[in-house]
Amino acid sequence: ASTPNTYPVGQCTWGVKSLAPWAGNNWGNAKDWIASARAAGHLVGTTPVAGAIAVWPNDGGGYGHVAYVTSASGANSIQVMESNYAGNMSISNYRGTFDPTSSAYGGSVFYIYP
């Protein structure tokens, strides 16, 4: 069920909620989304699939970072739509195909499935 987006406009959480209306409101900062999604009954894993939400709990200056997966061809090759990446406060594909497990993004990545 689609619900209004209560996240601050331009933040990564707002961007993902805009693209994945099934994501909950009030899930907290991006780093909190794994626990919040599990509590809401969503499965969480480490295999990227299109339509899942990628969560980097150790990225984002202590807040974590989330993005919406648009394509995945293995654990080390995904594309995402995201907001608040490199200072960009609108939703776009800023990275093209990239390795989400890179230490540049905090080293760990998890996926929340719809």
PDB file of N, CA and C in Angstrom:
ATOM      1  N   ALA A   1       0.841  -1.195   0.000  1.00  0.00           N
ATOM      2  CA  ALA A   1       0.000   0.000   0.000  1.00  0.00           C
ATOM      3  C   ALA A   1       0.876   1.244   0.000  1.00  0.00           C
ATOM      4  N   SER A   2       0.564   2.164  -0.855  1.00  0.00           N
ATOM      5  CA  SER A   2       1.318   3.407  -0.945  1.00  0.00           C
ATOM      6  C   SER A   2       0.894   4.347   0.170  1.00  0.00           C
ATOM      7  N   THR A   3       1.875   4.944   0.812  1.00  0.00           N
ATOM      8  CA  THR A   3       1.595   5.922   1.861  1.00  0.00           C
ATOM      9  C   THR A   3       2.397   7.176   1.569  1.00  0.00           C
ATOM     10  N   PRO A   4       2.004   8.312   2.138  1.00  0.00           N
ATOM     11  CA  PRO A   4       2.762   9.538   1.899  1.00  0.00           C
ATOM     12  C   PRO A   4       4.228   9.369   2.307  1.00  0.00           C
ATOM     13  N   ASN A   5       5.087  10.125   1.683  1.00  0.00           N
ATOM     14  CA  ASN A   5       6.513  10.058   1.952  1.00  0.00           C
ATOM     15  C   ASN A   5       6.858  11.065   3.046  1.00  0.00           C
ATOM     16  N   THR A   6       7.222  10.566   4.227  1.00  0.00           N
ATOM     17  CA  THR A   6       7.485  11.446   5.370  1.00  0.00           C
ATOM     18  C   THR A   6       8.961  11.795   5.540  1.00  0.00           C
ATOM     19  N   TYR A   7       9.815  11.319   4.638  1.00  0.00           N
ATOM     20  CA  TYR A   7      11.249  11.597   4.762  1.00  0.00           C
ATOM     21  C   TYR A   7      11.583  12.986   4.220  1.00  0.00           C
ATOM     22  N   PRO A   8      12.656  13.603   4.721  1.00  0.00           N
ATOM     23  CA  PRO A   8      13.024  14.942   4.242  1.00  0.00           C
ATOM     24  C   PRO A   8      13.368  14.931   2.749  1.00  0.00           C
ATOM     25  N   VAL A   9      12.748  15.834   2.003  1.00  0.00           N
ATOM     26  CA  VAL A   9      12.941  15.911   0.554  1.00  0.00           C
ATOM     27  C   VAL A   9      14.426  16.067   0.236  1.00  0.00           C
ATOM     28  N   GLY A  10      14.898  15.261  -0.714  1.00  0.00           N
ATOM     29  CA  GLY A  10      16.280  15.325  -1.149  1.00  0.00           C
ATOM     30  C   GLY A  10      17.187  14.298  -0.487  1.00  0.00           C
ATOM     31  N   GLN A  11      16.775  13.783   0.660  1.00  0.00           N
ATOM     32  CA  GLN A  11      17.598  12.785   1.347  1.00  0.00           C
ATOM     33  C   GLN A  11      17.480  11.436   0.640  1.00  0.00           C
ATOM     34  N   CYS A  12      18.424  10.535   0.896  1.00  0.00           N
ATOM     35  CA  CYS A  12      18.404   9.225   0.233  1.00  0.00           C
ATOM     36  C   CYS A  12      17.158   8.437   0.618  1.00  0.00           C
ATOM     37  N   THR A  13      16.726   8.571   1.869  1.00  0.00           N
ATOM     38  CA  THR A  13      15.530   7.854   2.327  1.00  0.00           C
ATOM     39  C   THR A  13      14.287   8.336   1.578  1.00  0.00           C
ATOM     40  N   TRP A  14      14.190   9.639   1.358  1.00  0.00           N
ATOM     41  CA  TRP A  14      13.077  10.199   0.581  1.00  0.00           C
ATOM     42  C   TRP A  14      13.108   9.662  -0.848  1.00  0.00           C
ATOM     43  N   GLY A  15      14.301   9.614  -1.447  1.00  0.00           N
ATOM     44  CA  GLY A  15      14.424   9.126  -2.821  1.00  0.00           C
ATOM     45  C   GLY A  15      13.957   7.690  -2.959  1.00  0.00           C
ATOM     46  N   VAL A  16      14.383   6.845  -2.022  1.00  0.00           N
ATOM     47  CA  VAL A  16      13.994   5.434  -2.098  1.00  0.00           C
ATOM     48  C   VAL A  16      12.503   5.264  -1.833  1.00  0.00           C
ATOM     49  N   LYS A  17      11.966   5.957  -0.853  1.00  0.00           N
ATOM     50  CA  LYS A  17      10.528   5.866  -0.569  1.00  0.00           C
ATOM     51  C   LYS A  17       9.717   6.331  -1.785  1.00  0.00           C
ATOM     52  N   SER A  18      10.236   7.319  -2.534  1.00  0.00           N
ATOM     53  CA  SER A  18       9.558   7.801  -3.742  1.00  0.00           C
ATOM     54  C   SER A  18       9.517   6.714  -4.813  1.00  0.00           C
ATOM     55  N   LEU A  19      10.595   5.926  -4.900  1.00  0.00           N
ATOM     56  CA  LEU A  19      10.706   4.883  -5.934  1.00  0.00           C
ATOM     57  C   LEU A  19      10.117   3.551  -5.493  1.00  0.00           C
ATOM     58  N   ALA A  20      10.084   3.304  -4.201  1.00  0.00           N
ATOM     59  CA  ALA A  20       9.589   2.034  -3.638  1.00  0.00           C
ATOM     60  C   ALA A  20       8.537   2.356  -2.578  1.00  0.00           C
ATOM     61  N   PRO A  21       7.306   2.637  -3.003  1.00  0.00           N
ATOM     62  CA  PRO A  21       6.280   3.038  -2.041  1.00  0.00           C
ATOM     63  C   PRO A  21       5.988   1.987  -0.974  1.00  0.00           C
ATOM     64  N   TRP A  22       6.428   0.742  -1.208  1.00  0.00           N
ATOM     65  CA  TRP A  22       6.236  -0.317  -0.215  1.00  0.00           C
ATOM     66  C   TRP A  22       7.166  -0.148   0.986  1.00  0.00           C
ATOM     67  N   ALA A  23       8.201   0.662   0.851  1.00  0.00           N
ATOM     68  CA  ALA A  23       9.084   0.926   1.991  1.00  0.00           C
ATOM     69  C   ALA A  23       8.304   1.706   3.041  1.00  0.00           C
ATOM     70  N   GLY A  24       8.620   1.458   4.284  1.00  0.00           N
ATOM     71  CA  GLY A  24       7.878   2.103   5.361  1.00  0.00           C
ATOM     72  C   GLY A  24       8.308   3.526   5.619  1.00  0.00           C
ATOM     73  N   ASN A  25       7.408   4.307   6.195  1.00  0.00           N
ATOM     74  CA  ASN A  25       7.779   5.599   6.738  1.00  0.00           C
ATOM     75  C   ASN A  25       8.318   5.361   8.138  1.00  0.00           C
ATOM     76  N   ASN A  26       9.023   6.310   8.662  1.00  0.00           N
ATOM     77  CA  ASN A  26       9.536   6.231  10.028  1.00  0.00           C
ATOM     78  C   ASN A  26      10.467   5.044  10.247  1.00  0.00           C
ATOM     79  N   TRP A  27      11.202   4.651   9.209  1.00  0.00           N
ATOM     80  CA  TRP A  27      12.203   3.589   9.350  1.00  0.00           C
ATOM     81  C   TRP A  27      13.515   4.134   9.888  1.00  0.00           C
ATOM     82  N   GLY A  28      13.586   5.442  10.116  1.00  0.00           N
ATOM     83  CA  GLY A  28      14.789   6.042  10.682  1.00  0.00           C
ATOM     84  C   GLY A  28      15.794   6.431   9.618  1.00  0.00           C
ATOM     85  N   ASN A  29      17.036   6.606  10.064  1.00  0.00           N
ATOM     86  CA  ASN A  29      18.119   6.901   9.129  1.00  0.00           C
ATOM     87  C   ASN A  29      18.379   5.660   8.289  1.00  0.00           C
ATOM     88  N   ALA A  30      19.094   5.839   7.184  1.00  0.00           N
ATOM     89  CA  ALA A  30      19.353   4.725   6.267  1.00  0.00           C
ATOM     90  C   ALA A  30      19.954   3.516   6.982  1.00  0.00           C
ATOM     91  N   LYS A  31      20.866   3.743   7.926  1.00  0.00           N
ATOM     92  CA  LYS A  31      21.509   2.629   8.631  1.00  0.00           C
ATOM     93  C   LYS A  31      20.506   1.812   9.450  1.00  0.00           C
ATOM     94  N   ASP A  32      19.354   2.392   9.774  1.00  0.00           N
ATOM     95  CA  ASP A  32      18.323   1.715  10.574  1.00  0.00           C
ATOM     96  C   ASP A  32      17.337   0.918   9.726  1.00  0.00           C
ATOM     97  N   TRP A  33      17.421   1.065   8.402  1.00  0.00           N
ATOM     98  CA  TRP A  33      16.407   0.476   7.535  1.00  0.00           C
ATOM     99  C   TRP A  33      16.413  -1.053   7.555  1.00  0.00           C
ATOM    100  N   ILE A  34      17.535  -1.689   7.758  1.00  0.00           N
ATOM    101  CA  ILE A  34      17.583  -3.158   7.775  1.00  0.00           C
ATOM    102  C   ILE A  34      16.711  -3.688   8.918  1.00  0.00           C
ATOM    103  N   ALA A  35      16.954  -3.191  10.126  1.00  0.00           N
ATOM    104  CA  ALA A  35      16.172  -3.640  11.289  1.00  0.00           C
ATOM    105  C   ALA A  35      14.706  -3.252  11.145  1.00  0.00           C
ATOM    106  N   SER A  36      14.443  -2.053  10.638  1.00  0.00           N
ATOM    107  CA  SER A  36      13.057  -1.599  10.478  1.00  0.00           C
ATOM    108  C   SER A  36      12.316  -2.443   9.453  1.00  0.00           C
ATOM    109  N   ALA A  37      12.992  -2.782   8.353  1.00  0.00           N
ATOM    110  CA  ALA A  37      12.359  -3.604   7.319  1.00  0.00           C
ATOM    111  C   ALA A  37      12.055  -4.999   7.847  1.00  0.00           C
ATOM    112  N   ARG A  38      13.010  -5.570   8.566  1.00  0.00           N
ATOM    113  CA  ARG A  38      12.766  -6.900   9.171  1.00  0.00           C
ATOM    114  C   ARG A  38      11.577  -6.850  10.116  1.00  0.00           C
ATOM    115  N   ALA A  39      11.519  -5.808  10.931  1.00  0.00           N
ATOM    116  CA  ALA A  39      10.409  -5.667  11.883  1.00  0.00           C
ATOM    117  C   ALA A  39       9.072  -5.535  11.160  1.00  0.00           C
ATOM    118  N   ALA A  40       9.098  -4.990   9.937  1.00  0.00           N
ATOM    119  CA  ALA A  40       7.879  -4.821   9.145  1.00  0.00           C
ATOM    120  C   ALA A  40       7.556  -6.075   8.322  1.00  0.00           C
ATOM    121  N   GLY A  41       8.404  -7.111   8.438  1.00  0.00           N
ATOM    122  CA  GLY A  41       8.125  -8.371   7.764  1.00  0.00           C
ATOM    123  C   GLY A  41       8.809  -8.562   6.423  1.00  0.00           C
ATOM    124  N   HIS A  42       9.727  -7.668   6.053  1.00  0.00           N
ATOM    125  CA  HIS A  42      10.447  -7.805   4.786  1.00  0.00           C
ATOM    126  C   HIS A  42      11.666  -8.698   4.953  1.00  0.00           C
ATOM    127  N   LEU A  43      11.988  -9.434   3.903  1.00  0.00           N
ATOM    128  CA  LEU A  43      13.207 -10.232   3.904  1.00  0.00           C
ATOM    129  C   LEU A  43      14.388  -9.329   3.586  1.00  0.00           C
ATOM    130  N   VAL A  44      15.536  -9.640   4.198  1.00  0.00           N
ATOM    131  CA  VAL A  44      16.772  -8.901   3.976  1.00  0.00           C
ATOM    132  C   VAL A  44      17.851  -9.912   3.629  1.00  0.00           C
ATOM    133  N   GLY A  45      18.687  -9.590   2.650  1.00  0.00           N
ATOM    134  CA  GLY A  45      19.754 -10.509   2.265  1.00  0.00           C
ATOM    135  C   GLY A  45      20.921  -9.769   1.651  1.00  0.00           C
ATOM    136  N   THR A  46      21.793 -10.534   1.005  1.00  0.00           N
ATOM    137  CA  THR A  46      23.004  -9.950   0.419  1.00  0.00           C
ATOM    138  C   THR A  46      23.073 -10.139  -1.094  1.00  0.00           C
ATOM    139  N   THR A  47      21.983 -10.592  -1.704  1.00  0.00           N
ATOM    140  CA  THR A  47      21.939 -10.777  -3.159  1.00  0.00           C
ATOM    141  C   THR A  47      21.162  -9.633  -3.795  1.00  0.00           C
ATOM    142  N   PRO A  48      21.810  -8.855  -4.671  1.00  0.00           N
ATOM    143  CA  PRO A  48      21.094  -7.748  -5.301  1.00  0.00           C
ATOM    144  C   PRO A  48      20.114  -8.234  -6.365  1.00  0.00           C
ATOM    145  N   VAL A  49      18.928  -7.664  -6.364  1.00  0.00           N
ATOM    146  CA  VAL A  49      17.938  -7.917  -7.414  1.00  0.00           C
ATOM    147  C   VAL A  49      17.248  -6.599  -7.740  1.00  0.00           C
ATOM    148  N   ALA A  50      16.861  -6.437  -8.998  1.00  0.00           N
ATOM    149  CA  ALA A  50      16.125  -5.240  -9.398  1.00  0.00           C
ATOM    150  C   ALA A  50      14.842  -5.148  -8.580  1.00  0.00           C
ATOM    151  N   GLY A  51      14.545  -3.968  -8.090  1.00  0.00           N
ATOM    152  CA  GLY A  51      13.352  -3.748  -7.279  1.00  0.00           C
ATOM    153  C   GLY A  51      13.612  -3.804  -5.792  1.00  0.00           C
ATOM    154  N   ALA A  52      14.816  -4.218  -5.396  1.00  0.00           N
ATOM    155  CA  ALA A  52      15.178  -4.245  -3.984  1.00  0.00           C
ATOM    156  C   ALA A  52      15.750  -2.887  -3.573  1.00  0.00           C
ATOM    157  N   ILE A  53      15.877  -2.689  -2.280  1.00  0.00           N
ATOM    158  CA  ILE A  53      16.507  -1.490  -1.730  1.00  0.00           C
ATOM    159  C   ILE A  53      17.892  -1.880  -1.230  1.00  0.00           C
ATOM    160  N   ALA A  54      18.912  -1.200  -1.726  1.00  0.00           N
ATOM    161  CA  ALA A  54      20.277  -1.417  -1.254  1.00  0.00           C
ATOM    162  C   ALA A  54      20.508  -0.541  -0.026  1.00  0.00           C
ATOM    163  N   VAL A  55      21.147  -1.119   0.994  1.00  0.00           N
ATOM    164  CA  VAL A  55      21.441  -0.393   2.228  1.00  0.00           C
ATOM    165  C   VAL A  55      22.931  -0.523   2.532  1.00  0.00           C
ATOM    166  N   TRP A  56      23.590   0.616   2.649  1.00  0.00           N
ATOM    167  CA  TRP A  56      24.991   0.663   3.086  1.00  0.00           C
ATOM    168  C   TRP A  56      24.998   1.250   4.493  1.00  0.00           C
ATOM    169  N   PRO A  57      24.999   0.403   5.535  1.00  0.00           N
ATOM    170  CA  PRO A  57      24.891   0.933   6.899  1.00  0.00           C
ATOM    171  C   PRO A  57      26.105   1.750   7.344  1.00  0.00           C
ATOM    172  N   ASN A  58      27.272   1.533   6.719  1.00  0.00           N
ATOM    173  CA  ASN A  58      28.489   2.223   7.153  1.00  0.00           C
ATOM    174  C   ASN A  58      28.870   3.397   6.263  1.00  0.00           C
ATOM    175  N   ASP A  59      28.009   3.762   5.308  1.00  0.00           N
ATOM    176  CA  ASP A  59      28.270   4.877   4.411  1.00  0.00           C
ATOM    177  C   ASP A  59      27.491   6.092   4.927  1.00  0.00           C
ATOM    178  N   GLY A  60      27.603   7.205   4.258  1.00  0.00           N
ATOM    179  CA  GLY A  60      26.753   8.361   4.575  1.00  0.00           C
ATOM    180  C   GLY A  60      27.119   9.097   5.846  1.00  0.00           C
ATOM    181  N   GLY A  61      28.380   9.094   6.210  1.00  0.00           N
ATOM    182  CA  GLY A  61      28.809   9.886   7.364  1.00  0.00           C
ATOM    183  C   GLY A  61      28.143   9.506   8.669  1.00  0.00           C
ATOM    184  N   GLY A  62      27.885   8.207   8.861  1.00  0.00           N
ATOM    185  CA  GLY A  62      27.281   7.738  10.102  1.00  0.00           C
ATOM    186  C   GLY A  62      25.780   7.549  10.033  1.00  0.00           C
ATOM    187  N   TYR A  63      25.154   8.036   8.973  1.00  0.00           N
ATOM    188  CA  TYR A  63      23.706   7.888   8.807  1.00  0.00           C
ATOM    189  C   TYR A  63      23.337   6.691   7.947  1.00  0.00           C
ATOM    190  N   GLY A  64      24.311   6.115   7.234  1.00  0.00           N
ATOM    191  CA  GLY A  64      24.028   5.076   6.260  1.00  0.00           C
ATOM    192  C   GLY A  64      23.565   5.692   4.950  1.00  0.00           C
ATOM    193  N   HIS A  65      23.313   4.832   3.961  1.00  0.00           N
ATOM    194  CA  HIS A  65      22.813   5.294   2.660  1.00  0.00           C
ATOM    195  C   HIS A  65      21.939   4.205   2.070  1.00  0.00           C
ATOM    196  N   VAL A  66      20.855   4.601   1.416  1.00  0.00           N
ATOM    197  CA  VAL A  66      19.979   3.655   0.725  1.00  0.00           C
ATOM    198  C   VAL A  66      19.799   4.094  -0.724  1.00  0.00           C
ATOM    199  N   ALA A  67      19.538   3.113  -1.585  1.00  0.00           N
ATOM    200  CA  ALA A  67      19.290   3.368  -3.003  1.00  0.00           C
ATOM    201  C   ALA A  67      18.355   2.288  -3.525  1.00  0.00           C
ATOM    202  N   TYR A  68      17.686   2.567  -4.632  1.00  0.00           N
ATOM    203  CA  TYR A  68      16.751   1.631  -5.243  1.00  0.00           C
ATOM    204  C   TYR A  68      17.455   0.923  -6.399  1.00  0.00           C
ATOM    205  N   VAL A  69      17.520  -0.399  -6.347  1.00  0.00           N
ATOM    206  CA  VAL A  69      18.238  -1.175  -7.359  1.00  0.00           C
ATOM    207  C   VAL A  69      17.390  -1.272  -8.627  1.00  0.00           C
ATOM    208  N   THR A  70      17.976  -0.822  -9.760  1.00  0.00           N
ATOM    209  CA  THR A  70      17.269  -0.891 -11.034  1.00  0.00           C
ATOM    210  C   THR A  70      17.759  -2.040 -11.892  1.00  0.00           C
ATOM    211  N   SER A  71      18.995  -2.496 -11.674  1.00  0.00           N
ATOM    212  CA  SER A  71      19.489  -3.682 -12.374  1.00  0.00           C
ATOM    213  C   SER A  71      20.631  -4.290 -11.571  1.00  0.00           C
ATOM    214  N   ALA A  72      20.763  -5.603 -11.713  1.00  0.00           N
ATOM    215  CA  ALA A  72      21.817  -6.327 -11.010  1.00  0.00           C
ATOM    216  C   ALA A  72      22.289  -7.463 -11.892  1.00  0.00           C
ATOM    217  N   SER A  73      23.600  -7.572 -12.055  1.00  0.00           N
ATOM    218  CA  SER A  73      24.168  -8.705 -12.782  1.00  0.00           C
ATOM    219  C   SER A  73      25.298  -9.274 -11.924  1.00  0.00           C
ATOM    220  N   GLY A  74      24.912  -9.825 -10.793  1.00  0.00           N
ATOM    221  CA  GLY A  74      25.871 -10.383  -9.850  1.00  0.00           C
ATOM    222  C   GLY A  74      26.076  -9.460  -8.670  1.00  0.00           C
ATOM    223  N   ALA A  75      26.725  -9.998  -7.637  1.00  0.00           N
ATOM    224  CA  ALA A  75      26.908  -9.272  -6.383  1.00  0.00           C
ATOM    225  C   ALA A  75      27.786  -8.036  -6.533  1.00  0.00           C
ATOM    226  N   ASN A  76      28.590  -7.986  -7.600  1.00  0.00           N
ATOM    227  CA  ASN A  76      29.544  -6.892  -7.749  1.00  0.00           C
ATOM    228  C   ASN A  76      29.229  -5.954  -8.906  1.00  0.00           C
ATOM    229  N   SER A  77      27.981  -5.991  -9.393  1.00  0.00           N
ATOM    230  CA  SER A  77      27.633  -5.153 -10.539  1.00  0.00           C
ATOM    231  C   SER A  77      26.148  -4.792 -10.499  1.00  0.00           C
ATOM    232  N   ILE A  78      25.869  -3.563 -10.030  1.00  0.00           N
ATOM    233  CA  ILE A  78      24.477  -3.109  -9.966  1.00  0.00           C
ATOM    234  C   ILE A  78      24.371  -1.686 -10.512  1.00  0.00           C
ATOM    235  N   GLN A  79      23.128  -1.288 -10.778  1.00  0.00           N
ATOM    236  CA  GLN A  79      22.801   0.107 -11.049  1.00  0.00           C
ATOM    237  C   GLN A  79      21.669   0.493 -10.112  1.00  0.00           C
ATOM    238  N   VAL A  80      21.661   1.749  -9.694  1.00  0.00           N
ATOM    239  CA  VAL A  80      20.650   2.222  -8.749  1.00  0.00           C
ATOM    240  C   VAL A  80      20.144   3.603  -9.151  1.00  0.00           C
ATOM    241  N   MET A  81      18.975   3.916  -8.627  1.00  0.00           N
ATOM    242  CA  MET A  81      18.468   5.285  -8.631  1.00  0.00           C
ATOM    243  C   MET A  81      18.556   5.730  -7.172  1.00  0.00           C
ATOM    244  N   GLU A  82      19.018   6.968  -6.957  1.00  0.00           N
ATOM    245  CA  GLU A  82      19.226   7.421  -5.585  1.00  0.00           C
ATOM    246  C   GLU A  82      19.193   8.931  -5.507  1.00  0.00           C
ATOM    247  N   SER A  83      19.046   9.417  -4.292  1.00  0.00           N
ATOM    248  CA  SER A  83      19.097  10.843  -4.008  1.00  0.00           C
ATOM    249  C   SER A  83      20.135  11.078  -2.918  1.00  0.00           C
ATOM    250  N   ASN A  84      20.602  12.301  -2.813  1.00  0.00           N
ATOM    251  CA  ASN A  84      21.638  12.691  -1.857  1.00  0.00           C
ATOM    252  C   ASN A  84      22.905  11.860  -2.023  1.00  0.00           C
ATOM    253  N   TYR A  85      23.304  11.670  -3.284  1.00  0.00           N
ATOM    254  CA  TYR A  85      24.592  11.044  -3.584  1.00  0.00           C
ATOM    255  C   TYR A  85      25.518  12.121  -4.132  1.00  0.00           C
ATOM    256  N   ALA A  86      26.680  12.283  -3.516  1.00  0.00           N
ATOM    257  CA  ALA A  86      27.665  13.299  -3.927  1.00  0.00           C
ATOM    258  C   ALA A  86      27.033  14.694  -3.967  1.00  0.00           C
ATOM    259  N   GLY A  87      26.139  14.949  -3.023  1.00  0.00           N
ATOM    260  CA  GLY A  87      25.527  16.267  -2.915  1.00  0.00           C
ATOM    261  C   GLY A  87      24.346  16.518  -3.833  1.00  0.00           C
ATOM    262  N   ASN A  88      23.990  15.546  -4.669  1.00  0.00           N
ATOM    263  CA  ASN A  88      22.847  15.697  -5.580  1.00  0.00           C
ATOM    264  C   ASN A  88      21.563  15.359  -4.849  1.00  0.00           C
ATOM    265  N   MET A  89      20.675  16.328  -4.713  1.00  0.00           N
ATOM    266  CA  MET A  89      19.461  16.154  -3.916  1.00  0.00           C
ATOM    267  C   MET A  89      18.234  15.779  -4.741  1.00  0.00           C
ATOM    268  N   SER A  90      18.451  15.302  -5.965  1.00  0.00           N
ATOM    269  CA  SER A  90      17.337  14.810  -6.770  1.00  0.00           C
ATOM    270  C   SER A  90      17.606  13.354  -7.125  1.00  0.00           C
ATOM    271  N   ILE A  91      16.576  12.653  -7.578  1.00  0.00           N
ATOM    272  CA  ILE A  91      16.671  11.216  -7.850  1.00  0.00           C
ATOM    273  C   ILE A  91      17.218  10.994  -9.254  1.00  0.00           C
ATOM    274  N   SER A  92      18.299  10.217  -9.351  1.00  0.00           N
ATOM    275  CA  SER A  92      18.869   9.887 -10.651  1.00  0.00           C
ATOM    276  C   SER A  92      19.798   8.692 -10.505  1.00  0.00           C
ATOM    277  N   ASN A  93      20.331   8.236 -11.643  1.00  0.00           N
ATOM    278  CA  ASN A  93      21.363   7.198 -11.672  1.00  0.00           C
ATOM    279  C   ASN A  93      22.695   7.935 -11.792  1.00  0.00           C
ATOM    280  N   TYR A  94      23.345   8.185 -10.657  1.00  0.00           N
ATOM    281  CA  TYR A  94      24.574   8.976 -10.641  1.00  0.00           C
ATOM    282  C   TYR A  94      25.828   8.143 -10.878  1.00  0.00           C
ATOM    283  N   ARG A  95      25.758   6.829 -10.674  1.00  0.00           N
ATOM    284  CA  ARG A  95      26.976   6.020 -10.694  1.00  0.00           C
ATOM    285  C   ARG A  95      27.095   5.082 -11.878  1.00  0.00           C
ATOM    286  N   GLY A  96      26.038   4.882 -12.659  1.00  0.00           N
ATOM    287  CA  GLY A  96      26.085   3.865 -13.707  1.00  0.00           C
ATOM    288  C   GLY A  96      26.272   2.500 -13.067  1.00  0.00           C
ATOM    289  N   THR A  97      26.945   1.597 -13.742  1.00  0.00           N
ATOM    290  CA  THR A  97      27.202   0.274 -13.173  1.00  0.00           C
ATOM    291  C   THR A  97      28.393   0.380 -12.228  1.00  0.00           C
ATOM    292  N   PHE A  98      28.233  -0.142 -11.005  1.00  0.00           N
ATOM    293  CA  PHE A  98      29.315  -0.064 -10.025  1.00  0.00           C
ATOM    294  C   PHE A  98      29.287  -1.274  -9.097  1.00  0.00           C
ATOM    295  N   ASP A  99      30.367  -1.439  -8.331  1.00  0.00           N
ATOM    296  CA  ASP A  99      30.491  -2.535  -7.372  1.00  0.00           C
ATOM    297  C   ASP A  99      30.021  -2.047  -6.003  1.00  0.00           C
ATOM    298  N   PRO A 100      28.837  -2.502  -5.556  1.00  0.00           N
ATOM    299  CA  PRO A 100      28.289  -2.007  -4.291  1.00  0.00           C
ATOM    300  C   PRO A 100      29.057  -2.496  -3.066  1.00  0.00           C
ATOM    301  N   THR A 101      29.933  -3.503  -3.252  1.00  0.00           N
ATOM    302  CA  THR A 101      30.682  -4.043  -2.112  1.00  0.00           C
ATOM    303  C   THR A 101      32.009  -3.313  -1.905  1.00  0.00           C
ATOM    304  N   SER A 102      32.309  -2.330  -2.743  1.00  0.00           N
ATOM    305  CA  SER A 102      33.568  -1.598  -2.646  1.00  0.00           C
ATOM    306  C   SER A 102      33.733  -0.964  -1.266  1.00  0.00           C
ATOM    307  N   SER A 103      34.952  -0.989  -0.768  1.00  0.00           N
ATOM    308  CA  SER A 103      35.233  -0.375   0.532  1.00  0.00           C
ATOM    309  C   SER A 103      34.956   1.132   0.506  1.00  0.00           C
ATOM    310  N   ALA A 104      34.895   1.721  -0.678  1.00  0.00           N
ATOM    311  CA  ALA A 104      34.574   3.152  -0.792  1.00  0.00           C
ATOM    312  C   ALA A 104      33.181   3.460  -0.240  1.00  0.00           C
ATOM    313  N   TYR A 105      32.324   2.451  -0.178  1.00  0.00           N
ATOM    314  CA  TYR A 105      30.952   2.645   0.322  1.00  0.00           C
ATOM    315  C   TYR A 105      30.751   2.016   1.697  1.00  0.00           C
ATOM    316  N   GLY A 106      31.823   1.735   2.394  1.00  0.00           N
ATOM    317  CA  GLY A 106      31.706   1.218   3.755  1.00  0.00           C
ATOM    318  C   GLY A 106      31.879  -0.281   3.869  1.00  0.00           C
ATOM    319  N   GLY A 107      32.026  -0.973   2.725  1.00  0.00           N
ATOM    320  CA  GLY A 107      32.360  -2.396   2.763  1.00  0.00           C
ATOM    321  C   GLY A 107      31.211  -3.356   2.890  1.00  0.00           C
ATOM    322  N   SER A 108      30.095  -2.995   3.530  1.00  0.00           N
ATOM    323  CA  SER A 108      28.996  -3.953   3.580  1.00  0.00           C
ATOM    324  C   SER A 108      27.755  -3.362   2.943  1.00  0.00           C
ATOM    325  N   VAL A 109      27.037  -4.223   2.242  1.00  0.00           N
ATOM    326  CA  VAL A 109      25.788  -3.802   1.611  1.00  0.00           C
ATOM    327  C   VAL A 109      24.774  -4.920   1.816  1.00  0.00           C
ATOM    328  N   PHE A 110      23.554  -4.518   2.106  1.00  0.00           N
ATOM    329  CA  PHE A 110      22.439  -5.449   2.300  1.00  0.00           C
ATOM    330  C   PHE A 110      21.301  -5.015   1.400  1.00  0.00           C
ATOM    331  N   TYR A 111      20.378  -5.929   1.166  1.00  0.00           N
ATOM    332  CA  TYR A 111      19.237  -5.627   0.304  1.00  0.00           C
ATOM    333  C   TYR A 111      17.944  -5.963   1.015  1.00  0.00           C
ATOM    334  N   ILE A 112      16.985  -5.061   0.896  1.00  0.00           N
ATOM    335  CA  ILE A 112      15.635  -5.269   1.438  1.00  0.00           C
ATOM    336  C   ILE A 112      14.766  -5.620   0.250  1.00  0.00           C
ATOM    337  N   TYR A 113      14.048  -6.738   0.371  1.00  0.00           N
ATOM    338  CA  TYR A 113      13.216  -7.207  -0.728  1.00  0.00           C
ATOM    339  C   TYR A 113      11.764  -6.833  -0.490  1.00  0.00           C
ATOM    340  N   PRO A 114      11.029  -6.504  -1.591  1.00  0.00           N
ATOM    341  CA  PRO A 114       9.625  -6.074  -1.425  1.00  0.00           C
ATOM    342  C   PRO A 114       8.741  -7.174  -0.841  1.00  0.00           C
TER     343      PRO A 114
END
